[in-house]
């Protein structure tokens, strides 16, 4: 079972923008090889930090509103929200250490 919850455009505001906890959103697509390579790493980090940070993934092809609203230009893109605002954006493949540092920066 994944530690990263799939999210739709319809759920985005309630789950991300109105969350009391920091939130990491992974924008990905089925055709994106780097996205698929990063998923297990993000899932592992979510398992470690899931009590303090909410982790979601948005299929950008099937849910285009949120990526458009937040000007996601390439995939994968990770947005980290705190108090409903984007505080960090990571685009392209990242290492586990880079992802951990990004998550820890909002704690």
N, C-alpha and C. Protein backbone atom coordinates (compact mmCIF):
# COMPACT_ATOMS: atom_id res chain seq x y z
N UNK A 1 0.84 -1.19 0.00
CA UNK A 1 0.00 0.00 0.00
C UNK A 1 0.88 1.25 0.00
N UNK A 2 0.52 2.20 -0.80
CA UNK A 2 1.31 3.42 -0.94
C UNK A 2 1.05 4.39 0.21
N UNK A 3 2.09 5.12 0.57
CA UNK A 3 1.98 6.18 1.57
C UNK A 3 1.61 7.51 0.94
N UNK A 4 1.49 7.53 -0.40
CA UNK A 4 1.17 8.75 -1.14
C UNK A 4 -0.23 8.57 -1.73
N UNK A 5 -1.13 9.48 -1.37
CA UNK A 5 -2.54 9.37 -1.75
C UNK A 5 -2.81 10.05 -3.09
N UNK A 6 -3.45 9.36 -4.04
CA UNK A 6 -3.86 10.02 -5.29
C UNK A 6 -4.86 11.14 -4.99
N UNK A 7 -4.76 12.21 -5.76
CA UNK A 7 -5.59 13.39 -5.53
C UNK A 7 -6.13 13.90 -6.86
N UNK A 8 -7.38 14.34 -6.86
CA UNK A 8 -7.99 14.90 -8.07
C UNK A 8 -8.10 16.42 -7.95
N UNK A 9 -8.37 17.06 -9.07
CA UNK A 9 -8.59 18.51 -9.06
C UNK A 9 -9.70 18.89 -8.08
N UNK A 10 -10.76 18.09 -8.04
CA UNK A 10 -11.92 18.39 -7.19
C UNK A 10 -11.56 18.38 -5.70
N UNK A 11 -10.58 17.58 -5.31
CA UNK A 11 -10.18 17.47 -3.90
C UNK A 11 -9.05 18.42 -3.52
N UNK A 12 -8.42 19.04 -4.50
CA UNK A 12 -7.17 19.76 -4.27
C UNK A 12 -7.28 20.85 -3.20
N UNK A 13 -8.25 21.72 -3.32
CA UNK A 13 -8.36 22.84 -2.37
C UNK A 13 -8.53 22.34 -0.94
N UNK A 14 -9.44 21.41 -0.73
CA UNK A 14 -9.72 20.92 0.62
C UNK A 14 -8.53 20.18 1.22
N UNK A 15 -7.87 19.37 0.44
CA UNK A 15 -6.79 18.53 0.97
C UNK A 15 -5.45 19.25 1.05
N UNK A 16 -5.21 20.20 0.15
CA UNK A 16 -3.89 20.84 0.08
C UNK A 16 -3.93 22.27 0.60
N UNK A 17 -4.75 23.10 -0.01
CA UNK A 17 -4.75 24.52 0.32
C UNK A 17 -5.31 24.81 1.70
N UNK A 18 -6.17 23.93 2.22
CA UNK A 18 -6.79 24.16 3.52
C UNK A 18 -6.21 23.26 4.61
N UNK A 19 -5.12 22.59 4.34
CA UNK A 19 -4.52 21.67 5.31
C UNK A 19 -3.81 22.43 6.42
N UNK A 20 -3.90 21.89 7.63
CA UNK A 20 -3.17 22.45 8.77
C UNK A 20 -1.71 21.98 8.78
N UNK A 21 -1.44 20.90 8.07
CA UNK A 21 -0.09 20.34 8.01
C UNK A 21 0.58 20.77 6.71
N UNK A 22 1.92 20.73 6.67
CA UNK A 22 2.59 20.91 5.38
C UNK A 22 2.16 19.78 4.44
N UNK A 23 2.16 20.07 3.14
CA UNK A 23 1.71 19.10 2.14
C UNK A 23 2.72 19.06 0.99
N UNK A 24 3.09 17.85 0.58
CA UNK A 24 3.90 17.67 -0.62
C UNK A 24 3.00 17.08 -1.69
N UNK A 25 2.97 17.73 -2.86
CA UNK A 25 2.18 17.24 -3.98
C UNK A 25 3.13 16.89 -5.12
N UNK A 26 3.03 15.66 -5.58
CA UNK A 26 3.82 15.15 -6.70
C UNK A 26 2.95 15.18 -7.96
N UNK A 27 3.27 16.08 -8.89
CA UNK A 27 2.59 16.12 -10.18
C UNK A 27 3.35 15.20 -11.13
N UNK A 28 2.65 14.22 -11.70
CA UNK A 28 3.27 13.19 -12.50
C UNK A 28 2.36 12.82 -13.67
N UNK A 29 2.86 11.96 -14.54
CA UNK A 29 2.06 11.42 -15.65
C UNK A 29 2.53 10.00 -15.93
N UNK A 30 1.62 9.21 -16.47
CA UNK A 30 1.90 7.80 -16.77
C UNK A 30 3.07 7.64 -17.74
N UNK A 31 3.23 8.54 -18.69
CA UNK A 31 4.26 8.44 -19.72
C UNK A 31 5.63 8.94 -19.25
N UNK A 32 5.70 9.50 -18.05
CA UNK A 32 6.91 10.16 -17.54
C UNK A 32 7.81 9.18 -16.80
N UNK A 33 8.92 8.77 -17.43
CA UNK A 33 9.84 7.82 -16.80
C UNK A 33 10.47 8.35 -15.51
N UNK A 34 10.96 9.60 -15.47
CA UNK A 34 11.51 10.11 -14.21
C UNK A 34 10.46 10.14 -13.09
N UNK A 35 9.21 10.39 -13.46
CA UNK A 35 8.13 10.37 -12.46
C UNK A 35 8.03 8.99 -11.82
N UNK A 36 8.04 7.98 -12.66
CA UNK A 36 7.93 6.60 -12.16
C UNK A 36 9.14 6.20 -11.34
N UNK A 37 10.31 6.70 -11.70
CA UNK A 37 11.53 6.39 -10.95
C UNK A 37 11.50 7.03 -9.56
N UNK A 38 10.90 8.20 -9.45
CA UNK A 38 10.86 8.91 -8.17
C UNK A 38 9.76 8.40 -7.23
N UNK A 39 8.73 7.79 -7.77
CA UNK A 39 7.60 7.37 -6.93
C UNK A 39 7.99 6.51 -5.74
N UNK A 40 8.84 5.47 -5.91
CA UNK A 40 9.20 4.66 -4.74
C UNK A 40 9.96 5.46 -3.67
N UNK A 41 10.76 6.42 -4.12
CA UNK A 41 11.52 7.26 -3.18
C UNK A 41 10.57 8.16 -2.41
N UNK A 42 9.63 8.78 -3.12
CA UNK A 42 8.64 9.64 -2.46
C UNK A 42 7.80 8.82 -1.50
N UNK A 43 7.44 7.61 -1.90
CA UNK A 43 6.65 6.73 -1.04
C UNK A 43 7.42 6.39 0.24
N UNK A 44 8.70 6.13 0.11
CA UNK A 44 9.54 5.82 1.28
C UNK A 44 9.61 7.02 2.23
N UNK A 45 9.80 8.21 1.67
CA UNK A 45 9.87 9.42 2.49
C UNK A 45 8.53 9.68 3.16
N UNK A 46 7.45 9.43 2.43
CA UNK A 46 6.11 9.61 3.01
C UNK A 46 5.90 8.66 4.18
N UNK A 47 6.46 7.45 4.10
CA UNK A 47 6.36 6.51 5.20
C UNK A 47 7.05 7.01 6.45
N UNK A 48 8.12 7.76 6.26
CA UNK A 48 8.89 8.29 7.40
C UNK A 48 8.28 9.57 7.96
N UNK A 49 7.79 10.45 7.09
CA UNK A 49 7.33 11.77 7.52
C UNK A 49 5.82 11.95 7.48
N UNK A 50 5.09 10.90 7.13
CA UNK A 50 3.64 10.99 6.94
C UNK A 50 2.84 11.44 8.15
N UNK A 51 3.42 11.34 9.34
CA UNK A 51 2.71 11.82 10.53
C UNK A 51 2.78 13.34 10.66
N UNK A 52 3.73 13.96 9.95
CA UNK A 52 3.90 15.42 10.05
C UNK A 52 3.65 16.17 8.76
N UNK A 53 3.65 15.44 7.64
CA UNK A 53 3.45 16.03 6.32
C UNK A 53 2.49 15.13 5.55
N UNK A 54 1.52 15.73 4.85
CA UNK A 54 0.63 14.95 3.99
C UNK A 54 1.27 14.84 2.60
N UNK A 55 1.18 13.66 2.00
CA UNK A 55 1.78 13.39 0.69
C UNK A 55 0.68 12.99 -0.28
N UNK A 56 0.62 13.71 -1.42
CA UNK A 56 -0.37 13.42 -2.46
C UNK A 56 0.32 13.36 -3.81
N UNK A 57 -0.32 12.66 -4.76
CA UNK A 57 0.15 12.66 -6.14
C UNK A 57 -1.02 13.00 -7.05
N UNK A 58 -0.74 13.84 -8.04
CA UNK A 58 -1.76 14.29 -8.99
C UNK A 58 -1.32 13.87 -10.39
N UNK A 59 -2.15 13.07 -11.05
CA UNK A 59 -1.91 12.71 -12.45
C UNK A 59 -2.25 13.95 -13.28
N UNK A 60 -1.21 14.62 -13.77
CA UNK A 60 -1.39 15.90 -14.45
C UNK A 60 -2.20 15.78 -15.74
N UNK A 61 -2.17 14.63 -16.39
CA UNK A 61 -2.94 14.45 -17.63
C UNK A 61 -4.44 14.36 -17.35
N UNK A 62 -4.81 13.69 -16.28
CA UNK A 62 -6.22 13.49 -15.95
C UNK A 62 -6.79 14.58 -15.05
N UNK A 63 -5.93 15.40 -14.47
CA UNK A 63 -6.34 16.48 -13.57
C UNK A 63 -5.56 17.74 -13.92
N UNK A 64 -5.92 18.42 -15.02
CA UNK A 64 -5.11 19.53 -15.52
C UNK A 64 -5.29 20.86 -14.77
N UNK A 65 -6.34 21.00 -13.97
CA UNK A 65 -6.60 22.30 -13.33
C UNK A 65 -5.52 22.71 -12.34
N UNK A 66 -5.17 21.83 -11.41
CA UNK A 66 -4.16 22.18 -10.40
C UNK A 66 -2.80 22.46 -11.04
N UNK A 67 -2.32 21.63 -11.96
CA UNK A 67 -1.03 21.95 -12.59
C UNK A 67 -1.05 23.29 -13.33
N UNK A 68 -2.17 23.60 -13.98
CA UNK A 68 -2.29 24.87 -14.68
C UNK A 68 -2.29 26.03 -13.68
N UNK A 69 -3.06 25.89 -12.62
CA UNK A 69 -3.16 26.94 -11.61
C UNK A 69 -1.81 27.26 -10.98
N UNK A 70 -1.00 26.23 -10.76
CA UNK A 70 0.30 26.43 -10.12
C UNK A 70 1.45 26.47 -11.13
N UNK A 71 1.12 26.65 -12.40
CA UNK A 71 2.09 26.84 -13.48
C UNK A 71 3.15 25.74 -13.52
N UNK A 72 2.70 24.51 -13.37
CA UNK A 72 3.60 23.36 -13.50
C UNK A 72 3.98 23.24 -14.97
N UNK A 73 5.25 23.39 -15.26
CA UNK A 73 5.74 23.42 -16.64
C UNK A 73 6.31 22.09 -17.10
N UNK A 74 6.86 21.31 -16.18
CA UNK A 74 7.48 20.03 -16.53
C UNK A 74 7.18 18.99 -15.47
N UNK A 75 7.40 17.75 -15.84
CA UNK A 75 7.14 16.65 -14.90
C UNK A 75 8.41 15.83 -14.73
N UNK A 76 8.63 15.30 -13.55
CA UNK A 76 7.83 15.51 -12.35
C UNK A 76 8.08 16.89 -11.75
N UNK A 77 7.05 17.43 -11.12
CA UNK A 77 7.18 18.63 -10.32
C UNK A 77 6.60 18.34 -8.94
N UNK A 78 7.36 18.68 -7.92
CA UNK A 78 6.90 18.55 -6.55
C UNK A 78 6.69 19.94 -5.99
N UNK A 79 5.51 20.18 -5.45
CA UNK A 79 5.23 21.44 -4.77
C UNK A 79 5.04 21.13 -3.30
N UNK A 80 5.65 21.93 -2.46
CA UNK A 80 5.46 21.79 -1.03
C UNK A 80 4.70 23.02 -0.55
N UNK A 81 3.58 22.75 0.10
CA UNK A 81 2.69 23.80 0.61
C UNK A 81 2.80 23.89 2.12
N UNK A 82 2.71 25.10 2.63
CA UNK A 82 2.61 25.32 4.07
C UNK A 82 1.62 26.46 4.25
N UNK A 83 0.63 26.25 5.09
CA UNK A 83 -0.43 27.23 5.31
C UNK A 83 -1.10 27.63 3.99
N UNK A 84 -1.27 26.66 3.10
CA UNK A 84 -1.98 26.89 1.85
C UNK A 84 -1.18 27.57 0.75
N UNK A 85 0.08 27.86 1.01
CA UNK A 85 0.92 28.56 0.03
C UNK A 85 2.08 27.67 -0.40
N UNK A 86 2.48 27.79 -1.66
CA UNK A 86 3.65 27.06 -2.14
C UNK A 86 4.89 27.68 -1.52
N UNK A 87 5.68 26.87 -0.82
CA UNK A 87 6.91 27.36 -0.21
C UNK A 87 8.15 26.78 -0.89
N UNK A 88 7.94 25.73 -1.69
CA UNK A 88 9.07 25.14 -2.39
C UNK A 88 8.59 24.41 -3.64
N UNK A 89 9.38 24.49 -4.70
CA UNK A 89 9.08 23.78 -5.94
C UNK A 89 10.33 23.06 -6.40
N UNK A 90 10.16 21.77 -6.71
CA UNK A 90 11.25 20.96 -7.24
C UNK A 90 10.79 20.38 -8.57
N UNK A 91 11.55 20.63 -9.63
CA UNK A 91 11.17 20.13 -10.95
C UNK A 91 12.27 19.21 -11.46
N UNK A 92 11.84 18.11 -12.08
CA UNK A 92 12.78 17.13 -12.61
C UNK A 92 13.15 16.09 -11.57
N UNK A 93 13.94 15.13 -11.98
CA UNK A 93 14.37 14.07 -11.08
C UNK A 93 15.24 14.61 -9.96
N UNK A 94 14.97 14.16 -8.75
CA UNK A 94 15.73 14.59 -7.58
C UNK A 94 16.20 13.36 -6.80
N UNK A 95 17.25 13.53 -6.02
CA UNK A 95 17.75 12.44 -5.20
C UNK A 95 16.93 12.35 -3.91
N UNK A 96 17.06 11.22 -3.25
CA UNK A 96 16.39 11.05 -1.96
C UNK A 96 16.83 12.13 -0.98
N UNK A 97 18.13 12.43 -0.95
CA UNK A 97 18.65 13.45 -0.03
C UNK A 97 18.03 14.81 -0.32
N UNK A 98 17.87 15.16 -1.59
CA UNK A 98 17.25 16.44 -1.94
C UNK A 98 15.79 16.49 -1.48
N UNK A 99 15.08 15.38 -1.64
CA UNK A 99 13.67 15.34 -1.23
C UNK A 99 13.53 15.40 0.28
N UNK A 100 14.38 14.68 0.99
CA UNK A 100 14.35 14.72 2.46
C UNK A 100 14.64 16.13 2.95
N UNK A 101 15.63 16.79 2.38
CA UNK A 101 15.97 18.16 2.78
C UNK A 101 14.79 19.10 2.54
N UNK A 102 14.10 18.93 1.42
CA UNK A 102 12.95 19.78 1.11
C UNK A 102 11.83 19.56 2.12
N UNK A 103 11.56 18.31 2.47
CA UNK A 103 10.51 18.01 3.45
C UNK A 103 10.90 18.55 4.82
N UNK A 104 12.13 18.32 5.23
CA UNK A 104 12.57 18.78 6.55
C UNK A 104 12.57 20.30 6.66
N UNK A 105 12.70 20.99 5.54
CA UNK A 105 12.73 22.46 5.57
C UNK A 105 11.39 23.07 5.97
N UNK A 106 10.31 22.30 5.89
CA UNK A 106 8.99 22.84 6.26
C UNK A 106 8.50 22.35 7.61
N UNK A 107 9.32 21.59 8.30
CA UNK A 107 8.92 21.08 9.62
C UNK A 107 9.32 22.04 10.73
